[in-house]
Amino acid sequence: INGVAGQRFPAGSPSEVFIPQLRYPHGYRVSVTGADIASQPTAGRLVLCSQAGASNVTVSVTPDATSTTELPDSPGQDVSCPAPGGAATSIATSGGPADGGAVTVSRGGGSVTAPGTGSVGLPGTGRCLAARHIHIRLHLARGARLLGLSARINGQRRPVHADRAGRITIPIRAGTPRRINLHLAIRVRTRRGIRTLYLNRRYTAC
């Protein structure tokens, strides 16, 4: 991707788009080509990371009616683009501090653990997705209680199905591009208050 002055930007270069809360009080929908979305679905700052091989980035933002838009300086909005060739996962949290340490991602990206909140089992980033659903397993920490879930795939809100055992299923809409950008928000009441864990994960469809 080339800048206005002709300079070349490498893959993973960030761009930020300000989303005014006054204009989008009930959330927004995003359609983007040539970049991945790194920010959380309700962020007041939409962070885009350019894709390898993309010559242009196009983005369209339209109002939604089922969510909210946070202020740009709200907690959990300091996200960055993964380094080229690095892990295709970015994480942000909001709410009280974590118990016992920072949020960690296992080798291969199959598990994300937030001390005091719980762990999330995800499909690893090293293989493509062949199914029409994304299957996730949530294990809450002792004393934690799930308050809500929301998910977007490539900027579009998707229904989330969860059972009492912590099995979460997110359908992949027919016609979804081969590159899948999943944004998952998990809202949990912990012993130290309410926390929201935002997971952004890139996949490739088989």
N, C-alpha and C. Protein backbone atom coordinates (compact mmCIF):
# COMPACT_ATOMS: atom_id res chain seq x y z
N ILE A 1 0.85 -1.19 0.00
CA ILE A 1 0.00 0.00 0.00
C ILE A 1 0.87 1.23 0.00
N ASN A 2 0.54 2.20 -0.85
CA ASN A 2 1.31 3.42 -0.94
C ASN A 2 0.60 4.56 -0.24
N GLY A 3 1.38 5.43 0.41
CA GLY A 3 0.83 6.59 1.07
C GLY A 3 0.58 7.73 0.10
N VAL A 4 0.09 8.84 0.63
CA VAL A 4 -0.22 10.00 -0.22
C VAL A 4 1.01 10.51 -0.93
N ALA A 5 2.16 10.48 -0.23
CA ALA A 5 3.41 10.98 -0.81
C ALA A 5 4.15 9.91 -1.61
N GLY A 6 3.53 8.75 -1.82
CA GLY A 6 4.14 7.69 -2.61
C GLY A 6 4.96 6.71 -1.80
N GLN A 7 5.09 6.92 -0.48
CA GLN A 7 5.87 5.99 0.33
C GLN A 7 5.14 4.66 0.45
N ARG A 8 5.92 3.59 0.58
CA ARG A 8 5.37 2.23 0.64
C ARG A 8 5.17 1.81 2.09
N PHE A 9 3.95 1.36 2.43
CA PHE A 9 3.67 0.87 3.78
C PHE A 9 3.64 -0.65 3.77
N PRO A 10 4.33 -1.30 4.71
CA PRO A 10 4.35 -2.77 4.74
C PRO A 10 3.04 -3.33 5.26
N ALA A 11 2.86 -4.64 5.07
CA ALA A 11 1.68 -5.32 5.62
C ALA A 11 1.67 -5.18 7.13
N GLY A 12 0.48 -4.99 7.69
CA GLY A 12 0.35 -4.80 9.13
C GLY A 12 0.44 -3.35 9.56
N SER A 13 0.52 -2.43 8.60
CA SER A 13 0.57 -1.00 8.96
C SER A 13 -0.80 -0.57 9.47
N PRO A 14 -0.84 0.17 10.59
CA PRO A 14 -2.13 0.54 11.18
C PRO A 14 -2.71 1.83 10.61
N SER A 15 -4.00 1.89 10.62
CA SER A 15 -4.74 3.13 10.32
C SER A 15 -5.86 3.24 11.35
N GLU A 16 -6.16 4.45 11.78
CA GLU A 16 -7.21 4.68 12.76
C GLU A 16 -8.30 5.56 12.16
N VAL A 17 -9.54 5.16 12.41
CA VAL A 17 -10.70 5.92 11.95
C VAL A 17 -11.51 6.33 13.18
N PHE A 18 -11.75 7.61 13.37
CA PHE A 18 -12.54 8.09 14.49
C PHE A 18 -14.02 7.83 14.23
N ILE A 19 -14.69 7.17 15.18
CA ILE A 19 -16.12 6.87 15.08
C ILE A 19 -16.85 7.74 16.11
N PRO A 20 -17.49 8.82 15.70
CA PRO A 20 -18.13 9.72 16.67
C PRO A 20 -19.34 9.07 17.35
N GLN A 21 -19.35 9.11 18.66
CA GLN A 21 -20.45 8.54 19.44
C GLN A 21 -21.76 9.23 19.13
N LEU A 22 -21.71 10.53 18.86
CA LEU A 22 -22.93 11.28 18.56
C LEU A 22 -23.57 10.80 17.27
N ARG A 23 -22.75 10.44 16.30
CA ARG A 23 -23.26 9.99 14.99
C ARG A 23 -23.66 8.51 15.02
N TYR A 24 -23.00 7.72 15.87
CA TYR A 24 -23.26 6.28 15.94
C TYR A 24 -23.56 5.88 17.38
N PRO A 25 -24.65 6.37 17.97
CA PRO A 25 -24.93 6.10 19.39
C PRO A 25 -25.25 4.63 19.68
N HIS A 26 -25.76 3.91 18.68
CA HIS A 26 -26.18 2.52 18.88
C HIS A 26 -25.26 1.54 18.14
N GLY A 27 -23.99 1.91 17.99
CA GLY A 27 -23.03 1.03 17.35
C GLY A 27 -22.92 1.26 15.86
N TYR A 28 -22.10 0.45 15.23
CA TYR A 28 -21.86 0.61 13.80
C TYR A 28 -21.46 -0.72 13.18
N ARG A 29 -21.62 -0.78 11.87
CA ARG A 29 -21.19 -1.94 11.10
C ARG A 29 -20.05 -1.52 10.19
N VAL A 30 -19.11 -2.42 9.97
CA VAL A 30 -17.92 -2.10 9.18
C VAL A 30 -17.79 -3.09 8.04
N SER A 31 -17.54 -2.57 6.84
CA SER A 31 -17.19 -3.40 5.69
C SER A 31 -15.82 -2.92 5.20
N VAL A 32 -14.85 -3.81 5.14
CA VAL A 32 -13.49 -3.41 4.79
C VAL A 32 -12.85 -4.44 3.89
N THR A 33 -12.07 -3.99 2.92
CA THR A 33 -11.27 -4.85 2.07
C THR A 33 -9.83 -4.34 2.12
N GLY A 34 -8.89 -5.27 2.07
CA GLY A 34 -7.49 -4.90 2.08
C GLY A 34 -6.89 -4.70 3.45
N ALA A 35 -7.68 -4.92 4.50
CA ALA A 35 -7.19 -4.73 5.87
C ALA A 35 -7.99 -5.59 6.83
N ASP A 36 -7.41 -5.86 7.98
CA ASP A 36 -8.07 -6.55 9.08
C ASP A 36 -8.42 -5.54 10.16
N ILE A 37 -9.50 -5.79 10.89
CA ILE A 37 -9.91 -4.93 11.98
C ILE A 37 -9.28 -5.44 13.27
N ALA A 38 -8.55 -4.57 13.97
CA ALA A 38 -7.89 -4.96 15.22
C ALA A 38 -8.63 -4.46 16.45
N SER A 39 -9.46 -3.46 16.30
CA SER A 39 -10.15 -2.86 17.46
C SER A 39 -11.38 -3.65 17.84
N GLN A 40 -11.88 -3.40 19.03
CA GLN A 40 -13.07 -4.08 19.53
C GLN A 40 -14.32 -3.57 18.80
N PRO A 41 -15.41 -4.35 18.78
CA PRO A 41 -16.59 -3.98 17.99
C PRO A 41 -17.25 -2.67 18.41
N THR A 42 -17.06 -2.22 19.65
CA THR A 42 -17.72 -1.00 20.12
C THR A 42 -16.75 0.17 20.23
N ALA A 43 -15.53 0.03 19.73
CA ALA A 43 -14.49 1.04 19.91
C ALA A 43 -14.83 2.35 19.21
N GLY A 44 -14.47 3.44 19.84
CA GLY A 44 -14.60 4.75 19.22
C GLY A 44 -13.47 5.06 18.26
N ARG A 45 -12.41 4.23 18.31
CA ARG A 45 -11.32 4.32 17.35
C ARG A 45 -11.24 3.00 16.60
N LEU A 46 -11.61 3.01 15.34
CA LEU A 46 -11.55 1.83 14.49
C LEU A 46 -10.12 1.67 13.99
N VAL A 47 -9.45 0.58 14.42
CA VAL A 47 -8.06 0.33 14.05
C VAL A 47 -8.01 -0.72 12.95
N LEU A 48 -7.38 -0.37 11.82
CA LEU A 48 -7.26 -1.26 10.68
C LEU A 48 -5.80 -1.62 10.47
N CYS A 49 -5.53 -2.88 10.12
CA CYS A 49 -4.18 -3.37 9.85
C CYS A 49 -4.13 -3.85 8.40
N SER A 50 -3.30 -3.23 7.58
CA SER A 50 -3.26 -3.57 6.16
C SER A 50 -2.83 -5.01 5.94
N GLN A 51 -3.42 -5.64 4.92
CA GLN A 51 -3.13 -7.04 4.60
C GLN A 51 -1.98 -7.14 3.61
N ALA A 52 -1.25 -8.25 3.69
CA ALA A 52 -0.17 -8.49 2.73
C ALA A 52 -0.74 -8.63 1.32
N GLY A 53 -0.12 -7.97 0.37
CA GLY A 53 -0.56 -8.05 -1.03
C GLY A 53 -1.66 -7.10 -1.42
N ALA A 54 -2.22 -6.37 -0.45
CA ALA A 54 -3.30 -5.43 -0.77
C ALA A 54 -2.72 -4.16 -1.38
N SER A 55 -3.30 -3.70 -2.48
CA SER A 55 -2.85 -2.46 -3.11
C SER A 55 -3.68 -1.27 -2.63
N ASN A 56 -4.89 -1.55 -2.13
CA ASN A 56 -5.76 -0.49 -1.62
C ASN A 56 -6.53 -1.01 -0.41
N VAL A 57 -6.92 -0.10 0.44
CA VAL A 57 -7.80 -0.40 1.57
C VAL A 57 -9.05 0.45 1.44
N THR A 58 -10.20 -0.20 1.43
CA THR A 58 -11.47 0.51 1.39
C THR A 58 -12.27 0.14 2.63
N VAL A 59 -12.93 1.12 3.21
CA VAL A 59 -13.71 0.88 4.42
C VAL A 59 -15.01 1.65 4.36
N SER A 60 -16.07 1.00 4.79
CA SER A 60 -17.39 1.63 4.85
C SER A 60 -17.95 1.42 6.24
N VAL A 61 -18.41 2.49 6.88
CA VAL A 61 -18.99 2.43 8.22
C VAL A 61 -20.43 2.90 8.15
N THR A 62 -21.36 2.07 8.64
CA THR A 62 -22.77 2.41 8.62
C THR A 62 -23.34 2.25 10.03
N PRO A 63 -24.37 3.02 10.39
CA PRO A 63 -24.95 2.93 11.74
C PRO A 63 -25.59 1.58 12.00
N ASP A 64 -25.51 1.14 13.25
CA ASP A 64 -26.17 -0.06 13.72
C ASP A 64 -27.26 0.37 14.70
N ALA A 65 -28.08 -0.58 15.14
CA ALA A 65 -29.15 -0.24 16.09
C ALA A 65 -29.18 -1.18 17.28
N THR A 66 -28.14 -2.01 17.44
CA THR A 66 -28.20 -3.05 18.46
C THR A 66 -27.03 -3.02 19.44
N SER A 67 -26.19 -2.00 19.37
CA SER A 67 -25.00 -2.00 20.20
C SER A 67 -24.76 -0.58 20.74
N THR A 68 -23.50 -0.26 21.06
CA THR A 68 -23.11 1.07 21.52
C THR A 68 -21.77 1.44 20.89
N THR A 69 -21.43 2.70 20.97
CA THR A 69 -20.11 3.17 20.54
C THR A 69 -19.46 3.87 21.73
N GLU A 70 -18.26 3.41 22.09
CA GLU A 70 -17.57 3.99 23.22
C GLU A 70 -16.80 5.25 22.82
N LEU A 71 -16.42 6.04 23.80
CA LEU A 71 -15.57 7.20 23.54
C LEU A 71 -14.18 6.73 23.15
N PRO A 72 -13.46 7.51 22.34
CA PRO A 72 -12.14 7.07 21.85
C PRO A 72 -11.12 6.78 22.93
N ASP A 73 -11.25 7.42 24.10
CA ASP A 73 -10.28 7.22 25.16
C ASP A 73 -10.76 6.24 26.23
N SER A 74 -11.80 5.45 25.92
CA SER A 74 -12.31 4.47 26.87
C SER A 74 -11.29 3.34 27.06
N PRO A 75 -11.28 2.66 28.24
CA PRO A 75 -10.34 1.56 28.47
C PRO A 75 -10.51 0.44 27.46
N GLY A 76 -9.40 -0.23 27.16
CA GLY A 76 -9.43 -1.39 26.28
C GLY A 76 -9.29 -1.06 24.81
N GLN A 77 -9.02 0.21 24.45
CA GLN A 77 -8.92 0.58 23.04
C GLN A 77 -7.49 0.73 22.55
N ASP A 78 -6.52 0.48 23.40
CA ASP A 78 -5.12 0.56 23.00
C ASP A 78 -4.70 -0.77 22.41
N VAL A 79 -4.96 -0.97 21.13
CA VAL A 79 -4.60 -2.20 20.44
C VAL A 79 -3.61 -1.87 19.34
N SER A 80 -2.89 -2.87 18.89
CA SER A 80 -1.90 -2.67 17.84
C SER A 80 -2.00 -3.79 16.83
N CYS A 81 -1.38 -3.60 15.69
CA CYS A 81 -1.40 -4.60 14.63
C CYS A 81 -0.32 -5.65 14.89
N PRO A 82 -0.65 -6.95 14.73
CA PRO A 82 0.38 -7.99 14.89
C PRO A 82 1.48 -7.79 13.87
N ALA A 83 2.70 -8.13 14.24
CA ALA A 83 3.82 -8.04 13.31
C ALA A 83 3.62 -9.03 12.16
N PRO A 84 4.06 -8.70 10.93
CA PRO A 84 3.93 -9.64 9.82
C PRO A 84 4.56 -10.97 10.16
N GLY A 85 3.81 -12.05 9.95
CA GLY A 85 4.30 -13.37 10.27
C GLY A 85 4.13 -13.76 11.72
N GLY A 86 3.64 -12.84 12.54
CA GLY A 86 3.46 -13.12 13.96
C GLY A 86 2.10 -13.71 14.23
N ALA A 87 1.76 -13.78 15.51
CA ALA A 87 0.47 -14.36 15.91
C ALA A 87 -0.67 -13.52 15.37
N ALA A 88 -1.71 -14.19 14.85
CA ALA A 88 -2.85 -13.49 14.28
C ALA A 88 -3.91 -13.24 15.33
N THR A 89 -3.47 -12.79 16.50
CA THR A 89 -4.38 -12.57 17.61
C THR A 89 -4.05 -11.26 18.29
N SER A 90 -5.07 -10.46 18.59
CA SER A 90 -4.87 -9.29 19.44
C SER A 90 -5.91 -9.33 20.54
N ILE A 91 -5.55 -8.80 21.71
CA ILE A 91 -6.38 -8.91 22.89
C ILE A 91 -6.47 -7.55 23.57
N ALA A 92 -7.64 -7.21 24.07
CA ALA A 92 -7.81 -6.02 24.89
C ALA A 92 -8.81 -6.35 25.99
N THR A 93 -8.71 -5.66 27.11
CA THR A 93 -9.65 -5.86 28.20
C THR A 93 -10.13 -4.51 28.72
N SER A 94 -11.27 -4.53 29.34
CA SER A 94 -11.76 -3.34 30.03
C SER A 94 -12.36 -3.80 31.35
N GLY A 95 -12.43 -2.88 32.30
CA GLY A 95 -12.95 -3.22 33.62
C GLY A 95 -11.83 -3.29 34.62
N GLY A 96 -12.04 -4.04 35.71
CA GLY A 96 -11.06 -4.14 36.79
C GLY A 96 -9.80 -4.84 36.36
N PRO A 97 -8.72 -4.73 37.14
CA PRO A 97 -7.46 -5.38 36.80
C PRO A 97 -7.56 -6.89 36.89
N ALA A 98 -6.70 -7.54 36.14
CA ALA A 98 -6.69 -9.01 36.16
C ALA A 98 -6.11 -9.51 37.47
N ASP A 99 -6.58 -10.68 37.93
CA ASP A 99 -6.05 -11.29 39.15
C ASP A 99 -4.83 -12.13 38.79
N GLY A 100 -3.67 -11.76 39.33
CA GLY A 100 -2.52 -12.64 39.22
C GLY A 100 -1.71 -12.52 37.96
N GLY A 101 -1.95 -11.57 37.06
CA GLY A 101 -1.09 -11.42 35.90
C GLY A 101 -1.83 -10.99 34.66
N ALA A 102 -1.07 -10.90 33.57
CA ALA A 102 -1.61 -10.41 32.31
C ALA A 102 -2.32 -11.53 31.55
N VAL A 103 -3.12 -11.13 30.56
CA VAL A 103 -3.77 -12.10 29.68
C VAL A 103 -2.70 -12.75 28.81
N THR A 104 -2.76 -14.07 28.66
CA THR A 104 -1.75 -14.80 27.90
C THR A 104 -2.39 -15.64 26.81
N VAL A 105 -1.62 -15.89 25.75
CA VAL A 105 -2.05 -16.74 24.64
C VAL A 105 -1.10 -17.92 24.56
N SER A 106 -1.64 -19.13 24.49
CA SER A 106 -0.81 -20.32 24.45
C SER A 106 -0.08 -20.42 23.11
N ARG A 107 0.95 -21.24 23.09
CA ARG A 107 1.68 -21.48 21.85
C ARG A 107 0.72 -22.08 20.81
N GLY A 108 0.67 -21.48 19.64
CA GLY A 108 -0.27 -21.92 18.62
C GLY A 108 -1.61 -21.23 18.69
N GLY A 109 -1.83 -20.46 19.76
CA GLY A 109 -3.04 -19.66 19.85
C GLY A 109 -4.29 -20.39 20.20
N GLY A 110 -4.19 -21.65 20.69
CA GLY A 110 -5.40 -22.42 20.95
C GLY A 110 -6.11 -22.05 22.23
N SER A 111 -5.44 -21.33 23.14
CA SER A 111 -6.06 -20.99 24.42
C SER A 111 -5.63 -19.59 24.85
N VAL A 112 -6.61 -18.81 25.30
CA VAL A 112 -6.36 -17.48 25.84
C VAL A 112 -6.81 -17.49 27.29
N THR A 113 -5.93 -17.09 28.21
CA THR A 113 -6.24 -17.14 29.63
C THR A 113 -6.17 -15.75 30.23
N ALA A 114 -7.23 -15.37 30.95
CA ALA A 114 -7.29 -14.11 31.68
C ALA A 114 -7.44 -14.43 33.15
N PRO A 115 -6.39 -14.26 33.97
CA PRO A 115 -6.45 -14.61 35.39
C PRO A 115 -7.63 -13.93 36.09
N GLY A 116 -8.37 -14.72 36.86
CA GLY A 116 -9.52 -14.20 37.57
C GLY A 116 -10.79 -14.14 36.74
N THR A 117 -10.65 -14.31 35.43
CA THR A 117 -11.80 -14.27 34.53
C THR A 117 -12.10 -15.64 33.96
N GLY A 118 -11.09 -16.28 33.39
CA GLY A 118 -11.28 -17.61 32.81
C GLY A 118 -10.37 -17.82 31.62
N SER A 119 -10.64 -18.88 30.88
CA SER A 119 -9.87 -19.19 29.68
C SER A 119 -10.81 -19.46 28.52
N VAL A 120 -10.32 -19.19 27.33
CA VAL A 120 -11.11 -19.35 26.11
C VAL A 120 -10.35 -20.28 25.17
N GLY A 121 -10.97 -21.39 24.79
CA GLY A 121 -10.37 -22.32 23.84
C GLY A 121 -10.85 -21.99 22.43
N LEU A 122 -9.91 -21.68 21.54
CA LEU A 122 -10.22 -21.26 20.17
C LEU A 122 -9.57 -22.19 19.17
N PRO A 123 -10.10 -22.26 17.95
CA PRO A 123 -9.36 -22.98 16.91
C PRO A 123 -7.99 -22.34 16.74
N GLY A 124 -6.94 -23.15 16.61
CA GLY A 124 -5.60 -22.61 16.45
C GLY A 124 -5.45 -21.83 15.15
N THR A 125 -4.47 -20.93 15.13
CA THR A 125 -4.27 -20.10 13.94
C THR A 125 -3.46 -20.82 12.88
N GLY A 126 -2.93 -22.00 13.18
CA GLY A 126 -2.08 -22.69 12.23
C GLY A 126 -2.82 -23.55 11.22
N ARG A 127 -4.15 -23.61 11.31
CA ARG A 127 -4.91 -24.42 10.35
C ARG A 127 -6.11 -23.63 9.85
N CYS A 128 -6.61 -24.03 8.68
CA CYS A 128 -7.74 -23.31 8.11
C CYS A 128 -9.05 -23.84 8.68
N LEU A 129 -10.11 -23.06 8.50
CA LEU A 129 -11.43 -23.44 8.99
C LEU A 129 -12.21 -24.10 7.85
N ALA A 130 -12.57 -25.37 8.05
CA ALA A 130 -13.32 -26.09 7.02
C ALA A 130 -14.81 -26.09 7.30
N ALA A 131 -15.21 -25.90 8.56
CA ALA A 131 -16.62 -25.95 8.94
C ALA A 131 -17.31 -24.61 8.69
N ARG A 132 -18.63 -24.62 8.77
CA ARG A 132 -19.41 -23.39 8.59
C ARG A 132 -19.71 -22.74 9.93
N HIS A 133 -19.06 -23.21 10.98
CA HIS A 133 -19.22 -22.63 12.30
C HIS A 133 -17.85 -22.54 12.97
N ILE A 134 -17.69 -21.56 13.84
CA ILE A 134 -16.51 -21.47 14.69
C ILE A 134 -16.91 -21.96 16.07
N HIS A 135 -16.21 -22.96 16.58
CA HIS A 135 -16.53 -23.55 17.87
C HIS A 135 -15.50 -23.09 18.91
N ILE A 136 -15.99 -22.59 20.02
CA ILE A 136 -15.16 -22.02 21.08
C ILE A 136 -15.60 -22.63 22.40
N ARG A 137 -14.65 -22.80 23.31
CA ARG A 137 -14.97 -23.34 24.64
C ARG A 137 -14.56 -22.32 25.70
N LEU A 138 -15.48 -21.95 26.56
CA LEU A 138 -15.24 -20.98 27.61
C LEU A 138 -15.22 -21.66 28.97
N HIS A 139 -14.16 -21.45 29.73
CA HIS A 139 -14.04 -21.97 31.10
C HIS A 139 -13.90 -20.77 32.03
N LEU A 140 -14.92 -20.50 32.81
CA LEU A 140 -14.89 -19.35 33.71
C LEU A 140 -14.12 -19.68 34.98
N ALA A 141 -13.45 -18.67 35.53
CA ALA A 141 -12.74 -18.84 36.79
C ALA A 141 -13.74 -19.03 37.92
N ARG A 142 -13.27 -19.57 39.04
CA ARG A 142 -14.14 -19.78 40.20
C ARG A 142 -14.74 -18.45 40.66
N GLY A 143 -16.05 -18.43 40.81
CA GLY A 143 -16.74 -17.23 41.25
C GLY A 143 -17.11 -16.27 40.15
N ALA A 144 -16.69 -16.55 38.91
CA ALA A 144 -17.03 -15.67 37.78
C ALA A 144 -18.34 -16.10 37.15
N ARG A 145 -19.04 -15.13 36.57
CA ARG A 145 -20.33 -15.42 35.94
C ARG A 145 -20.42 -14.69 34.61
N LEU A 146 -20.82 -15.41 33.58
CA LEU A 146 -20.94 -14.84 32.24
C LEU A 146 -22.14 -13.90 32.17
N LEU A 147 -21.90 -12.69 31.67
CA LEU A 147 -22.97 -11.70 31.53
C LEU A 147 -23.42 -11.53 30.09
N GLY A 148 -22.53 -11.72 29.15
CA GLY A 148 -22.93 -11.53 27.77
C GLY A 148 -21.82 -11.84 26.79
N LEU A 149 -22.23 -12.13 25.54
CA LEU A 149 -21.31 -12.43 24.45
C LEU A 149 -21.75 -11.67 23.21
N SER A 150 -20.79 -11.22 22.42
CA SER A 150 -21.11 -10.64 21.11
C SER A 150 -19.98 -10.99 20.15
N ALA A 151 -20.33 -11.13 18.88
CA ALA A 151 -19.32 -11.52 17.90
C ALA A 151 -19.58 -10.81 16.57
N ARG A 152 -18.48 -10.54 15.88
CA ARG A 152 -18.54 -10.02 14.52
C ARG A 152 -17.55 -10.80 13.67
N ILE A 153 -17.95 -11.06 12.43
CA ILE A 153 -17.05 -11.67 11.46
C ILE A 153 -16.92 -10.71 10.30
N ASN A 154 -15.69 -10.27 10.04
CA ASN A 154 -15.41 -9.28 9.00
C ASN A 154 -16.28 -8.03 9.17
N GLY A 155 -16.45 -7.63 10.43
CA GLY A 155 -17.17 -6.40 10.72
C GLY A 155 -18.68 -6.55 10.82
N GLN A 156 -19.22 -7.72 10.49
CA GLN A 156 -20.66 -7.93 10.51
C GLN A 156 -21.06 -8.71 11.76
N ARG A 157 -22.06 -8.21 12.48
CA ARG A 157 -22.51 -8.87 13.69
C ARG A 157 -23.07 -10.26 13.36
N ARG A 158 -22.68 -11.26 14.16
CA ARG A 158 -23.15 -12.62 13.96
C ARG A 158 -23.81 -13.12 15.24
N PRO A 159 -24.81 -14.01 15.12
CA PRO A 159 -25.43 -14.58 16.32
C PRO A 159 -24.45 -15.48 17.05
N VAL A 160 -24.57 -15.52 18.37
CA VAL A 160 -23.70 -16.35 19.20
C VAL A 160 -24.58 -17.29 20.00
N HIS A 161 -24.27 -18.59 19.92
CA HIS A 161 -25.03 -19.59 20.67
C HIS A 161 -24.10 -20.18 21.74
N ALA A 162 -24.56 -20.16 23.00
CA ALA A 162 -23.76 -20.69 24.10
C ALA A 162 -24.63 -21.57 24.98
N ASP A 163 -24.06 -22.68 25.48
CA ASP A 163 -24.81 -23.54 26.39
C ASP A 163 -24.21 -23.46 27.79
N ARG A 164 -24.81 -24.16 28.72
CA ARG A 164 -24.37 -24.10 30.12
C ARG A 164 -22.98 -24.70 30.33
N ALA A 165 -22.55 -25.53 29.41
CA ALA A 165 -21.23 -26.16 29.53
C ALA A 165 -20.11 -25.26 29.01
N GLY A 166 -20.47 -24.08 28.53
CA GLY A 166 -19.46 -23.16 28.03
C GLY A 166 -19.10 -23.36 26.57
N ARG A 167 -19.87 -24.16 25.85
CA ARG A 167 -19.62 -24.34 24.42
C ARG A 167 -20.26 -23.21 23.64
N ILE A 168 -19.47 -22.52 22.84
CA ILE A 168 -19.93 -21.35 22.08
C ILE A 168 -19.82 -21.67 20.59
N THR A 169 -20.87 -21.36 19.84
CA THR A 169 -20.89 -21.60 18.40
C THR A 169 -21.25 -20.30 17.68
N ILE A 170 -20.44 -19.97 16.67
CA ILE A 170 -20.67 -18.77 15.87
C ILE A 170 -20.76 -19.19 14.41
N PRO A 171 -21.90 -19.00 13.75
CA PRO A 171 -22.02 -19.42 12.36
C PRO A 171 -21.25 -18.50 11.42
N ILE A 172 -20.70 -19.09 10.37
CA ILE A 172 -20.02 -18.34 9.31
C ILE A 172 -20.99 -18.21 8.14
N ARG A 173 -21.32 -17.02 7.78
CA ARG A 173 -22.30 -16.78 6.73
C ARG A 173 -21.77 -17.27 5.38
N ALA A 174 -22.66 -17.87 4.58
CA ALA A 174 -22.29 -18.30 3.23
C ALA A 174 -21.83 -17.09 2.42
N GLY A 175 -20.78 -17.26 1.64
CA GLY A 175 -20.26 -16.16 0.85
C GLY A 175 -19.22 -15.33 1.56
N THR A 176 -18.90 -15.69 2.82
CA THR A 176 -17.86 -14.97 3.56
C THR A 176 -16.52 -15.14 2.85
N PRO A 177 -15.74 -14.08 2.69
CA PRO A 177 -14.43 -14.19 2.03
C PRO A 177 -13.53 -15.22 2.71
N ARG A 178 -12.51 -15.66 1.99
CA ARG A 178 -11.61 -16.69 2.51
C ARG A 178 -10.89 -16.21 3.76
N ARG A 179 -10.60 -14.94 3.83
CA ARG A 179 -9.97 -14.39 5.03
C ARG A 179 -11.06 -14.05 6.04
N ILE A 180 -10.99 -14.63 7.23
CA ILE A 180 -12.01 -14.45 8.25
C ILE A 180 -11.41 -13.70 9.43
N ASN A 181 -12.00 -12.60 9.79
CA ASN A 181 -11.55 -11.79 10.91
C ASN A 181 -12.62 -11.84 11.99
N LEU A 182 -12.35 -12.57 13.07
CA LEU A 182 -13.31 -12.76 14.15
C LEU A 182 -13.04 -11.79 15.28
N HIS A 183 -14.10 -11.13 15.75
CA HIS A 183 -14.05 -10.27 16.93
C HIS A 183 -15.05 -10.83 17.94
N LEU A 184 -14.56 -11.18 19.10
CA LEU A 184 -15.39 -11.77 20.14
C LEU A 184 -15.25 -10.95 21.42
N ALA A 185 -16.38 -10.54 21.98
CA ALA A 185 -16.39 -9.82 23.26
C ALA A 185 -17.08 -10.68 24.30
N ILE A 186 -16.41 -10.92 25.42
CA ILE A 186 -16.93 -11.75 26.50
C ILE A 186 -17.01 -10.90 27.75
N ARG A 187 -18.22 -10.68 28.25
CA ARG A 187 -18.44 -9.84 29.42
C ARG A 187 -18.70 -10.73 30.63
N VAL A 188 -17.90 -10.56 31.69
CA VAL A 188 -17.93 -11.47 32.83
C VAL A 188 -17.93 -10.66 34.13
N ARG A 189 -18.75 -11.11 35.08
CA ARG A 189 -18.68 -10.55 36.43
C ARG A 189 -17.71 -11.40 37.24
N THR A 190 -16.62 -10.80 37.72
CA THR A 190 -15.62 -11.50 38.50
C THR A 190 -15.70 -11.04 39.95
N ARG A 191 -14.85 -11.60 40.78
CA ARG A 191 -14.81 -11.19 42.18
C ARG A 191 -14.33 -9.75 42.36
N ARG A 192 -13.68 -9.22 41.33
CA ARG A 192 -13.15 -7.86 41.42
C ARG A 192 -13.90 -6.88 40.54
N GLY A 193 -15.06 -7.27 40.04
CA GLY A 193 -15.87 -6.37 39.23
C GLY A 193 -16.17 -6.97 37.88
N ILE A 194 -16.74 -6.15 37.02
CA ILE A 194 -17.12 -6.59 35.68
C ILE A 194 -15.95 -6.34 34.72
N ARG A 195 -15.58 -7.39 33.98
CA ARG A 195 -14.52 -7.27 32.98
C ARG A 195 -15.06 -7.73 31.64
N THR A 196 -14.54 -7.12 30.58
CA THR A 196 -14.85 -7.55 29.22
C THR A 196 -13.55 -7.92 28.53
N LEU A 197 -13.51 -9.11 27.98
CA LEU A 197 -12.35 -9.60 27.24
C LEU A 197 -12.66 -9.53 25.76
N TYR A 198 -11.85 -8.78 25.02
CA TYR A 198 -12.04 -8.62 23.57
C TYR A 198 -10.96 -9.43 22.85
N LEU A 199 -11.38 -10.37 22.02
CA LEU A 199 -10.46 -11.21 21.27
C LEU A 199 -10.65 -10.96 19.78
N ASN A 200 -9.59 -10.61 19.10
CA ASN A 200 -9.60 -10.44 17.65
C ASN A 200 -8.69 -11.51 17.06
N ARG A 201 -9.24 -12.34 16.20
CA ARG A 201 -8.49 -13.49 15.69
C ARG A 201 -8.70 -13.61 14.18
N ARG A 202 -7.59 -13.79 13.45
CA ARG A 202 -7.66 -13.96 12.00
C ARG A 202 -7.58 -15.44 11.64
N TYR A 203 -8.44 -15.85 10.72
CA TYR A 203 -8.43 -17.22 10.21
C TYR A 203 -8.47 -17.20 8.69
N THR A 204 -8.22 -18.36 8.11
CA THR A 204 -8.35 -18.55 6.67
C THR A 204 -9.30 -19.71 6.44
N ALA A 205 -10.30 -19.52 5.59
CA ALA A 205 -11.25 -20.58 5.29
C ALA A 205 -10.63 -21.54 4.27
N CYS A 206 -10.91 -22.84 4.43
CA CYS A 206 -10.38 -23.84 3.51
C CYS A 206 -11.10 -23.77 2.17
